PDB file of all heavy atoms in Angstrom:
ATOM      1  N   ARG A   1      82.342 108.523 102.128  1.00  0.00           N
ATOM      2  CA  ARG A   1      83.073 108.399 100.893  1.00  0.00           C
ATOM      3  C   ARG A   1      84.530 107.984 101.196  1.00  0.00           C
ATOM      4  O   ARG A   1      85.208 108.472 102.057  1.00  0.00           O
ATOM      5  CB  ARG A   1      83.102 109.847 100.189  1.00  0.00           C
ATOM      6  CG  ARG A   1      81.863 110.090  99.459  1.00  0.00           C
ATOM      7  CD  ARG A   1      81.725 111.498  98.990  1.00  0.00           C
ATOM      8  NE  ARG A   1      83.057 112.094  98.612  1.00  0.00           N
ATOM      9  CZ  ARG A   1      83.187 113.414  98.406  1.00  0.00           C
ATOM     10  NH1 ARG A   1      82.196 114.277  98.578  1.00  0.00           N
ATOM     11  NH2 ARG A   1      84.388 113.884  98.041  1.00  0.00           N
ATOM     12  N   CYS A   2      85.000 107.110 100.357  1.00  0.00           N
ATOM     13  CA  CYS A   2      86.385 106.531 100.510  1.00  0.00           C
ATOM     14  C   CYS A   2      87.451 107.646 100.378  1.00  0.00           C
ATOM     15  O   CYS A   2      88.438 107.512 101.050  1.00  0.00           O
ATOM     16  CB  CYS A   2      86.672 105.396  99.518  1.00  0.00           C
ATOM     17  SG  CYS A   2      85.632 103.956  99.701  1.00  0.00           S
ATOM     18  N   ASP A   3      87.271 108.577  99.517  1.00  0.00           N
ATOM     19  CA  ASP A   3      88.285 109.606  99.281  1.00  0.00           C
ATOM     20  C   ASP A   3      88.454 110.460 100.544  1.00  0.00           C
ATOM     21  O   ASP A   3      89.588 110.906 100.930  1.00  0.00           O
ATOM     22  CB  ASP A   3      88.088 110.487  98.115  1.00  0.00           C
ATOM     23  CG  ASP A   3      86.705 111.130  98.086  1.00  0.00           C
ATOM     24  OD1 ASP A   3      85.681 110.527  98.702  1.00  0.00           O
ATOM     25  OD2 ASP A   3      86.542 112.250  97.569  1.00  0.00           O
ATOM     26  N   ARG A   4      87.371 110.642 101.291  1.00  0.00           N
ATOM     27  CA  ARG A   4      87.425 111.467 102.505  1.00  0.00           C
ATOM     28  C   ARG A   4      88.161 110.633 103.598  1.00  0.00           C
ATOM     29  O   ARG A   4      88.956 111.161 104.361  1.00  0.00           O
ATOM     30  CB  ARG A   4      86.018 111.758 103.016  1.00  0.00           C
ATOM     31  CG  ARG A   4      85.371 112.877 102.224  1.00  0.00           C
ATOM     32  CD  ARG A   4      84.033 113.374 102.827  1.00  0.00           C
ATOM     33  NE  ARG A   4      83.457 114.475 102.095  1.00  0.00           N
ATOM     34  CZ  ARG A   4      82.303 114.958 102.355  1.00  0.00           C
ATOM     35  NH1 ARG A   4      81.595 114.479 103.382  1.00  0.00           N
ATOM     36  NH2 ARG A   4      81.787 116.012 101.687  1.00  0.00           N
ATOM     37  N   VAL A   5      87.922 109.338 103.605  1.00  0.00           N
ATOM     38  CA  VAL A   5      88.603 108.406 104.569  1.00  0.00           C
ATOM     39  C   VAL A   5      90.136 108.443 104.280  1.00  0.00           C
ATOM     40  O   VAL A   5      90.892 108.499 105.176  1.00  0.00           O
ATOM     41  CB  VAL A   5      88.063 107.046 104.540  1.00  0.00           C
ATOM     42  CG1 VAL A   5      88.854 106.105 105.521  1.00  0.00           C
ATOM     43  CG2 VAL A   5      86.615 107.034 104.924  1.00  0.00           C
ATOM     44  N   ALA A   6      90.401 108.299 103.002  1.00  0.00           N
ATOM     45  CA  ALA A   6      91.868 108.283 102.538  1.00  0.00           C
ATOM     46  C   ALA A   6      92.512 109.565 102.997  1.00  0.00           C
ATOM     47  O   ALA A   6      93.681 109.530 103.518  1.00  0.00           O
ATOM     48  CB  ALA A   6      91.934 108.127 101.030  1.00  0.00           C
ATOM     49  N   GLN A   7      91.839 110.660 102.736  1.00  0.00           N
ATOM     50  CA  GLN A   7      92.500 111.980 103.186  1.00  0.00           C
ATOM     51  C   GLN A   7      92.655 111.946 104.686  1.00  0.00           C
ATOM     52  O   GLN A   7      93.637 112.469 105.240  1.00  0.00           O
ATOM     53  CB  GLN A   7      91.627 113.148 102.723  1.00  0.00           C
ATOM     54  CG  GLN A   7      92.326 114.480 102.765  1.00  0.00           C
ATOM     55  CD  GLN A   7      93.655 114.495 101.992  1.00  0.00           C
ATOM     56  OE1 GLN A   7      93.665 114.255 100.920  1.00  0.00           O
ATOM     57  NE2 GLN A   7      94.737 114.900 102.663  1.00  0.00           N
ATOM     58  N   GLY A   8      91.703 111.407 105.407  1.00  0.00           N
ATOM     59  CA  GLY A   8      91.746 111.410 106.879  1.00  0.00           C
ATOM     60  C   GLY A   8      92.905 110.511 107.340  1.00  0.00           C
ATOM     61  O   GLY A   8      93.628 110.844 108.262  1.00  0.00           O
ATOM     62  N   ILE A   9      93.141 109.393 106.551  1.00  0.00           N
ATOM     63  CA  ILE A   9      94.341 108.559 106.980  1.00  0.00           C
ATOM     64  C   ILE A   9      95.620 109.243 106.730  1.00  0.00           C
ATOM     65  O   ILE A   9      96.591 109.265 107.645  1.00  0.00           O
ATOM     66  CB  ILE A   9      94.254 107.287 106.118  1.00  0.00           C
ATOM     67  CG1 ILE A   9      93.110 106.390 106.546  1.00  0.00           C
ATOM     68  CG2 ILE A   9      95.576 106.431 106.253  1.00  0.00           C
ATOM     69  CD1 ILE A   9      92.753 105.280 105.583  1.00  0.00           C
ATOM     70  N   VAL A  10      95.744 109.987 105.604  1.00  0.00           N
ATOM     71  CA  VAL A  10      96.938 110.750 105.347  1.00  0.00           C
ATOM     72  C   VAL A  10      97.189 111.786 106.330  1.00  0.00           C
ATOM     73  O   VAL A  10      98.328 112.073 106.894  1.00  0.00           O
ATOM     74  CB  VAL A  10      96.917 111.322 103.895  1.00  0.00           C
ATOM     75  CG1 VAL A  10      98.087 112.288 103.676  1.00  0.00           C
ATOM     76  CG2 VAL A  10      96.919 110.227 102.837  1.00  0.00           C
ATOM     77  N   ASP A  11      96.144 112.541 106.698  1.00  0.00           N
ATOM     78  CA  ASP A  11      96.237 113.660 107.692  1.00  0.00           C
ATOM     79  C   ASP A  11      96.646 113.160 109.063  1.00  0.00           C
ATOM     80  O   ASP A  11      97.471 113.706 109.738  1.00  0.00           O
ATOM     81  CB  ASP A  11      94.940 114.384 107.750  1.00  0.00           C
ATOM     82  CG  ASP A  11      94.615 115.166 106.521  1.00  0.00           C
ATOM     83  OD1 ASP A  11      95.474 115.375 105.678  1.00  0.00           O
ATOM     84  OD2 ASP A  11      93.419 115.646 106.321  1.00  0.00           O
ATOM     85  N   ALA A  12      96.021 112.000 109.412  1.00  0.00           N
ATOM     86  CA  ALA A  12      96.246 111.385 110.717  1.00  0.00           C
ATOM     87  C   ALA A  12      97.725 110.918 110.854  1.00  0.00           C
ATOM     88  O   ALA A  12      98.362 111.118 111.829  1.00  0.00           O
ATOM     89  CB  ALA A  12      95.320 110.237 111.039  1.00  0.00           C
ATOM     90  N   TYR A  13      98.167 110.290 109.788  1.00  0.00           N
ATOM     91  CA  TYR A  13      99.555 109.856 109.705  1.00  0.00           C
ATOM     92  C   TYR A  13     100.493 111.043 109.913  1.00  0.00           C
ATOM     93  O   TYR A  13     101.467 110.957 110.711  1.00  0.00           O
ATOM     94  CB  TYR A  13      99.819 109.173 108.392  1.00  0.00           C
ATOM     95  CG  TYR A  13     101.106 108.302 108.240  1.00  0.00           C
ATOM     96  CD1 TYR A  13     101.010 106.999 108.011  1.00  0.00           C
ATOM     97  CD2 TYR A  13     102.332 108.915 108.344  1.00  0.00           C
ATOM     98  CE1 TYR A  13     102.131 106.174 107.961  1.00  0.00           C
ATOM     99  CE2 TYR A  13     103.471 108.194 108.254  1.00  0.00           C
ATOM    100  CZ  TYR A  13     103.409 106.837 108.066  1.00  0.00           C
ATOM    101  OH  TYR A  13     104.549 106.003 107.986  1.00  0.00           O
ATOM    102  N   LYS A  14     100.272 112.112 109.195  1.00  0.00           N
ATOM    103  CA  LYS A  14     101.201 113.335 109.318  1.00  0.00           C
ATOM    104  C   LYS A  14     101.087 113.929 110.677  1.00  0.00           C
ATOM    105  O   LYS A  14     102.063 114.384 111.234  1.00  0.00           O
ATOM    106  CB  LYS A  14     100.797 114.315 108.215  1.00  0.00           C
ATOM    107  CG  LYS A  14     101.115 113.919 106.794  1.00  0.00           C
ATOM    108  CD  LYS A  14     100.703 114.878 105.814  1.00  0.00           C
ATOM    109  CE  LYS A  14     101.088 114.461 104.371  1.00  0.00           C
ATOM    110  NZ  LYS A  14     100.560 115.347 103.333  1.00  0.00           N
ATOM    111  N   ASN A  15      99.921 113.890 111.356  1.00  0.00           N
ATOM    112  CA  ASN A  15      99.786 114.483 112.707  1.00  0.00           C
ATOM    113  C   ASN A  15     100.477 113.647 113.718  1.00  0.00           C
ATOM    114  O   ASN A  15     101.121 114.217 114.719  1.00  0.00           O
ATOM    115  CB  ASN A  15      98.289 114.525 113.018  1.00  0.00           C
ATOM    116  CG  ASN A  15      97.564 115.665 112.329  1.00  0.00           C
ATOM    117  OD1 ASN A  15      98.186 116.570 111.751  1.00  0.00           O
ATOM    118  ND2 ASN A  15      96.203 115.563 112.362  1.00  0.00           N
ATOM    119  N   ILE A  16     100.504 112.335 113.578  1.00  0.00           N
ATOM    120  CA  ILE A  16     101.166 111.496 114.490  1.00  0.00           C
ATOM    121  C   ILE A  16     102.718 111.566 114.318  1.00  0.00           C
ATOM    122  O   ILE A  16     103.420 111.540 115.243  1.00  0.00           O
ATOM    123  CB  ILE A  16     100.654 110.044 114.360  1.00  0.00           C
ATOM    124  CG1 ILE A  16      99.244 109.962 114.789  1.00  0.00           C
ATOM    125  CG2 ILE A  16     101.536 109.063 115.167  1.00  0.00           C
ATOM    126  CD1 ILE A  16      98.561 108.565 114.509  1.00  0.00           C
ATOM    127  N   GLY A  17     103.145 111.656 113.001  1.00  0.00           N
ATOM    128  CA  GLY A  17     104.589 111.683 112.805  1.00  0.00           C
ATOM    129  C   GLY A  17     105.019 110.390 112.250  1.00  0.00           C
ATOM    130  O   GLY A  17     104.291 109.754 111.416  1.00  0.00           O
ATOM    131  N   ASP A  18     106.055 109.786 112.869  1.00  0.00           N
ATOM    132  CA  ASP A  18     106.605 108.519 112.340  1.00  0.00           C
ATOM    133  C   ASP A  18     105.856 107.394 112.944  1.00  0.00           C
ATOM    134  O   ASP A  18     105.683 107.246 114.156  1.00  0.00           O
ATOM    135  CB  ASP A  18     108.034 108.448 112.782  1.00  0.00           C
ATOM    136  CG  ASP A  18     108.642 107.061 112.266  1.00  0.00           C
ATOM    137  OD1 ASP A  18     108.436 106.750 111.042  1.00  0.00           O
ATOM    138  OD2 ASP A  18     109.324 106.373 113.060  1.00  0.00           O
ATOM    139  N   ILE A  19     105.228 106.568 112.065  1.00  0.00           N
ATOM    140  CA  ILE A  19     104.542 105.263 112.531  1.00  0.00           C
ATOM    141  C   ILE A  19     105.437 104.154 112.162  1.00  0.00           C
ATOM    142  O   ILE A  19     105.729 103.944 111.028  1.00  0.00           O
ATOM    143  CB  ILE A  19     103.127 105.170 111.829  1.00  0.00           C
ATOM    144  CG1 ILE A  19     102.198 106.379 112.268  1.00  0.00           C
ATOM    145  CG2 ILE A  19     102.502 103.840 112.165  1.00  0.00           C
ATOM    146  CD1 ILE A  19     100.864 106.351 111.676  1.00  0.00           C
ATOM    147  N   PRO A  20     105.896 103.505 113.187  1.00  0.00           N
ATOM    148  CA  PRO A  20     106.950 102.487 112.950  1.00  0.00           C
ATOM    149  C   PRO A  20     106.540 101.159 112.269  1.00  0.00           C
ATOM    150  O   PRO A  20     107.416 100.308 112.122  1.00  0.00           O
ATOM    151  CB  PRO A  20     107.397 102.182 114.446  1.00  0.00           C
ATOM    152  CG  PRO A  20     106.234 102.452 115.248  1.00  0.00           C
ATOM    153  CD  PRO A  20     105.496 103.555 114.655  1.00  0.00           C
ATOM    154  N   VAL A  21     105.270 101.007 112.007  1.00  0.00           N
ATOM    155  CA  VAL A  21     104.839  99.704 111.378  1.00  0.00           C
ATOM    156  C   VAL A  21     104.215 100.046 110.012  1.00  0.00           C
ATOM    157  O   VAL A  21     103.594 101.125 109.860  1.00  0.00           O
ATOM    158  CB  VAL A  21     103.891  98.985 112.306  1.00  0.00           C
ATOM    159  CG1 VAL A  21     104.572  98.647 113.663  1.00  0.00           C
ATOM    160  CG2 VAL A  21     102.553  99.838 112.552  1.00  0.00           C
ATOM    161  N   PRO A  22     104.243  99.093 109.081  1.00  0.00           N
ATOM    162  CA  PRO A  22     103.624  99.308 107.902  1.00  0.00           C
ATOM    163  C   PRO A  22     102.117  99.380 107.911  1.00  0.00           C
ATOM    164  O   PRO A  22     101.479  98.723 108.763  1.00  0.00           O
ATOM    165  CB  PRO A  22     104.047  98.104 106.945  1.00  0.00           C
ATOM    166  CG  PRO A  22     104.452  97.035 107.980  1.00  0.00           C
ATOM    167  CD  PRO A  22     104.951  97.818 109.137  1.00  0.00           C
ATOM    168  N   ILE A  23     101.428 100.141 107.058  1.00  0.00           N
ATOM    169  CA  ILE A  23      99.994 100.361 107.108  1.00  0.00           C
ATOM    170  C   ILE A  23      99.511  99.981 105.704  1.00  0.00           C
ATOM    171  O   ILE A  23      99.981 100.320 104.659  1.00  0.00           O
ATOM    172  CB  ILE A  23      99.598 101.804 107.366  1.00  0.00           C
ATOM    173  CG1 ILE A  23     100.064 102.149 108.779  1.00  0.00           C
ATOM    174  CG2 ILE A  23      98.100 102.006 107.224  1.00  0.00           C
ATOM    175  CD1 ILE A  23      99.926 103.637 109.079  1.00  0.00           C
ATOM    176  N   ILE A  24      98.531  99.029 105.744  1.00  0.00           N
ATOM    177  CA  ILE A  24      97.941  98.545 104.533  1.00  0.00           C
ATOM    178  C   ILE A  24      96.436  99.018 104.495  1.00  0.00           C
ATOM    179  O   ILE A  24      95.746  98.813 105.521  1.00  0.00           O
ATOM    180  CB  ILE A  24      97.907  96.965 104.430  1.00  0.00           C
ATOM    181  CG1 ILE A  24      99.320  96.535 104.475  1.00  0.00           C
ATOM    182  CG2 ILE A  24      97.197  96.501 103.132  1.00  0.00           C
ATOM    183  CD1 ILE A  24      99.879  96.239 105.784  1.00  0.00           C
ATOM    184  N   VAL A  25      96.083  99.746 103.471  1.00  0.00           N
ATOM    185  CA  VAL A  25      94.777 100.386 103.450  1.00  0.00           C
ATOM    186  C   VAL A  25      93.891  99.674 102.292  1.00  0.00           C
ATOM    187  O   VAL A  25      94.352  99.653 101.141  1.00  0.00           O
ATOM    188  CB  VAL A  25      94.808 101.844 103.155  1.00  0.00           C
ATOM    189  CG1 VAL A  25      93.412 102.445 103.082  1.00  0.00           C
ATOM    190  CG2 VAL A  25      95.572 102.522 104.237  1.00  0.00           C
ATOM    191  N   ARG A  26      92.819  99.205 102.624  1.00  0.00           N
ATOM    192  CA  ARG A  26      91.850  98.627 101.558  1.00  0.00           C
ATOM    193  C   ARG A  26      90.560  99.438 101.660  1.00  0.00           C
ATOM    194  O   ARG A  26      89.884  99.401 102.679  1.00  0.00           O
ATOM    195  CB  ARG A  26      91.585  97.166 101.856  1.00  0.00           C
ATOM    196  CG  ARG A  26      90.715  96.494 100.860  1.00  0.00           C
ATOM    197  CD  ARG A  26      89.266  96.297 101.361  1.00  0.00           C
ATOM    198  NE  ARG A  26      88.494  95.647 100.289  1.00  0.00           N
ATOM    199  CZ  ARG A  26      87.169  95.288 100.544  1.00  0.00           C
ATOM    200  NH1 ARG A  26      86.603  95.510 101.690  1.00  0.00           N
ATOM    201  NH2 ARG A  26      86.438  94.666  99.600  1.00  0.00           N
ATOM    202  N   LEU A  27      90.332 100.229 100.639  1.00  0.00           N
ATOM    203  CA  LEU A  27      89.078 101.045 100.566  1.00  0.00           C
ATOM    204  C   LEU A  27      88.202 100.508  99.401  1.00  0.00           C
ATOM    205  O   LEU A  27      88.725 100.416  98.285  1.00  0.00           O
ATOM    206  CB  LEU A  27      89.442 102.483 100.349  1.00  0.00           C
ATOM    207  CG  LEU A  27      90.257 103.134 101.507  1.00  0.00           C
ATOM    208  CD1 LEU A  27      90.807 104.460 101.060  1.00  0.00           C
ATOM    209  CD2 LEU A  27      89.387 103.308 102.754  1.00  0.00           C
ATOM    210  N   GLN A  28      86.961 100.326  99.683  1.00  0.00           N
ATOM    211  CA  GLN A  28      86.043  99.776  98.690  1.00  0.00           C
ATOM    212  C   GLN A  28      84.707 100.527  98.793  1.00  0.00           C
ATOM    213  O   GLN A  28      84.264 100.795  99.889  1.00  0.00           O
ATOM    214  CB  GLN A  28      85.884  98.283  98.827  1.00  0.00           C
ATOM    215  CG  GLN A  28      85.122  97.625  97.646  1.00  0.00           C
ATOM    216  CD  GLN A  28      85.890  97.679  96.348  1.00  0.00           C
ATOM    217  OE1 GLN A  28      85.752  98.691  95.664  1.00  0.00           O
ATOM    218  NE2 GLN A  28      86.697  96.645  96.135  1.00  0.00           N
ATOM    219  N   GLY A  29      84.139 100.890  97.623  1.00  0.00           N
ATOM    220  CA  GLY A  29      82.902 101.572  97.677  1.00  0.00           C
ATOM    221  C   GLY A  29      82.942 102.925  96.936  1.00  0.00           C
ATOM    222  O   GLY A  29      83.654 103.027  95.957  1.00  0.00           O
ATOM    223  N   THR A  30      82.204 103.859  97.474  1.00  0.00           N
ATOM    224  CA  THR A  30      82.080 105.197  96.823  1.00  0.00           C
ATOM    225  C   THR A  30      83.495 105.935  96.673  1.00  0.00           C
ATOM    226  O   THR A  30      84.140 106.077  97.668  1.00  0.00           O
ATOM    227  CB  THR A  30      81.104 106.091  97.529  1.00  0.00           C
ATOM    228  OG1 THR A  30      79.895 105.360  97.718  1.00  0.00           O
ATOM    229  CG2 THR A  30      80.873 107.423  96.825  1.00  0.00           C
ATOM    230  N   ASN A  31      83.862 106.243  95.450  1.00  0.00           N
ATOM    231  CA  ASN A  31      85.140 106.927  95.191  1.00  0.00           C
ATOM    232  C   ASN A  31      86.342 106.123  95.681  1.00  0.00           C
ATOM    233  O   ASN A  31      87.396 106.737  96.099  1.00  0.00           O
ATOM    234  CB  ASN A  31      85.164 108.310  95.899  1.00  0.00           C
ATOM    235  CG  ASN A  31      84.214 109.310  95.242  1.00  0.00           C
ATOM    236  OD1 ASN A  31      83.550 109.005  94.188  1.00  0.00           O
ATOM    237  ND2 ASN A  31      84.027 110.456  95.818  1.00  0.00           N
ATOM    238  N   ALA A  32      86.310 104.766  95.549  1.00  0.00           N
ATOM    239  CA  ALA A  32      87.428 104.000  95.895  1.00  0.00           C
ATOM    240  C   ALA A  32      88.667 104.207  95.034  1.00  0.00           C
ATOM    241  O   ALA A  32      89.833 104.211  95.585  1.00  0.00           O
ATOM    242  CB  ALA A  32      87.023 102.450  95.840  1.00  0.00           C
ATOM    243  N   VAL A  33      88.533 104.521  93.715  1.00  0.00           N
ATOM    244  CA  VAL A  33      89.566 104.761  92.825  1.00  0.00           C
ATOM    245  C   VAL A  33      90.332 106.066  93.254  1.00  0.00           C
ATOM    246  O   VAL A  33      91.582 106.055  93.275  1.00  0.00           O
ATOM    247  CB  VAL A  33      89.079 104.780  91.386  1.00  0.00           C
ATOM    248  CG1 VAL A  33      90.318 105.207  90.416  1.00  0.00           C
ATOM    249  CG2 VAL A  33      88.506 103.470  91.005  1.00  0.00           C
ATOM    250  N   GLU A  34      89.526 107.087  93.464  1.00  0.00           N
ATOM    251  CA  GLU A  34      90.082 108.347  93.931  1.00  0.00           C
ATOM    252  C   GLU A  34      90.923 108.170  95.233  1.00  0.00           C
ATOM    253  O   GLU A  34      91.985 108.806  95.469  1.00  0.00           O
ATOM    254  CB  GLU A  34      89.027 109.368  94.073  1.00  0.00           C
ATOM    255  CG  GLU A  34      88.367 109.855  92.795  1.00  0.00           C
ATOM    256  CD  GLU A  34      87.200 108.957  92.346  1.00  0.00           C
ATOM    257  OE1 GLU A  34      87.137 107.792  92.862  1.00  0.00           O
ATOM    258  OE2 GLU A  34      86.420 109.396  91.508  1.00  0.00           O
ATOM    259  N   ALA A  35      90.258 107.362  96.080  1.00  0.00           N
ATOM    260  CA  ALA A  35      90.905 107.081  97.402  1.00  0.00           C
ATOM    261  C   ALA A  35      92.318 106.402  97.249  1.00  0.00           C
ATOM    262  O   ALA A  35      93.291 106.837  97.942  1.00  0.00           O
ATOM    263  CB  ALA A  35      90.020 106.272  98.302  1.00  0.00           C
ATOM    264  N   LYS A  36      92.354 105.453  96.390  1.00  0.00           N
ATOM    265  CA  LYS A  36      93.612 104.705  96.153  1.00  0.00           C
ATOM    266  C   LYS A  36      94.674 105.665  95.601  1.00  0.00           C
ATOM    267  O   LYS A  36      95.853 105.601  96.090  1.00  0.00           O
ATOM    268  CB  LYS A  36      93.453 103.601  95.232  1.00  0.00           C
ATOM    269  CG  LYS A  36      94.609 102.632  95.085  1.00  0.00           C
ATOM    270  CD  LYS A  36      94.281 101.461  94.138  1.00  0.00           C
ATOM    271  CE  LYS A  36      95.475 100.516  94.207  1.00  0.00           C
ATOM    272  NZ  LYS A  36      96.689 100.922  93.892  1.00  0.00           N
ATOM    273  N   LYS A  37      94.226 106.646  94.731  1.00  0.00           N
ATOM    274  CA  LYS A  37      95.222 107.619  94.261  1.00  0.00           C
ATOM    275  C   LYS A  37      95.766 108.491  95.277  1.00  0.00           C
ATOM    276  O   LYS A  37      96.999 108.771  95.364  1.00  0.00           O
ATOM    277  CB  LYS A  37      94.547 108.389  93.103  1.00  0.00           C
ATOM    278  CG  LYS A  37      95.549 109.349  92.385  1.00  0.00           C
ATOM    279  CD  LYS A  37      94.812 110.047  91.251  1.00  0.00           C
ATOM    280  CE  LYS A  37      95.798 110.732  90.357  1.00  0.00           C
ATOM    281  NZ  LYS A  37      96.591 111.706  91.044  1.00  0.00           N
ATOM    282  N   ILE A  38      94.871 108.936  96.273  1.00  0.00           N
ATOM    283  CA  ILE A  38      95.301 109.792  97.387  1.00  0.00           C
ATOM    284  C   ILE A  38      96.327 109.053  98.203  1.00  0.00           C
ATOM    285  O   ILE A  38      97.421 109.643  98.617  1.00  0.00           O
ATOM    286  CB  ILE A  38      94.121 110.178  98.221  1.00  0.00           C
ATOM    287  CG1 ILE A  38      93.222 111.169  97.433  1.00  0.00           C
ATOM    288  CG2 ILE A  38      94.553 110.867  99.562  1.00  0.00           C
ATOM    289  CD1 ILE A  38      91.860 111.532  98.104  1.00  0.00           C
TER     290      ILE A  38
END
């Protein structure tokens, strides 16, 4: 599910701390809208 992946991305980002490069996320499929909101 895209929303689970999106939450995983957010959690991973916070665990690593400062990531010095921009991150672009494209999620498509199940719960993609909810994922974009997260």
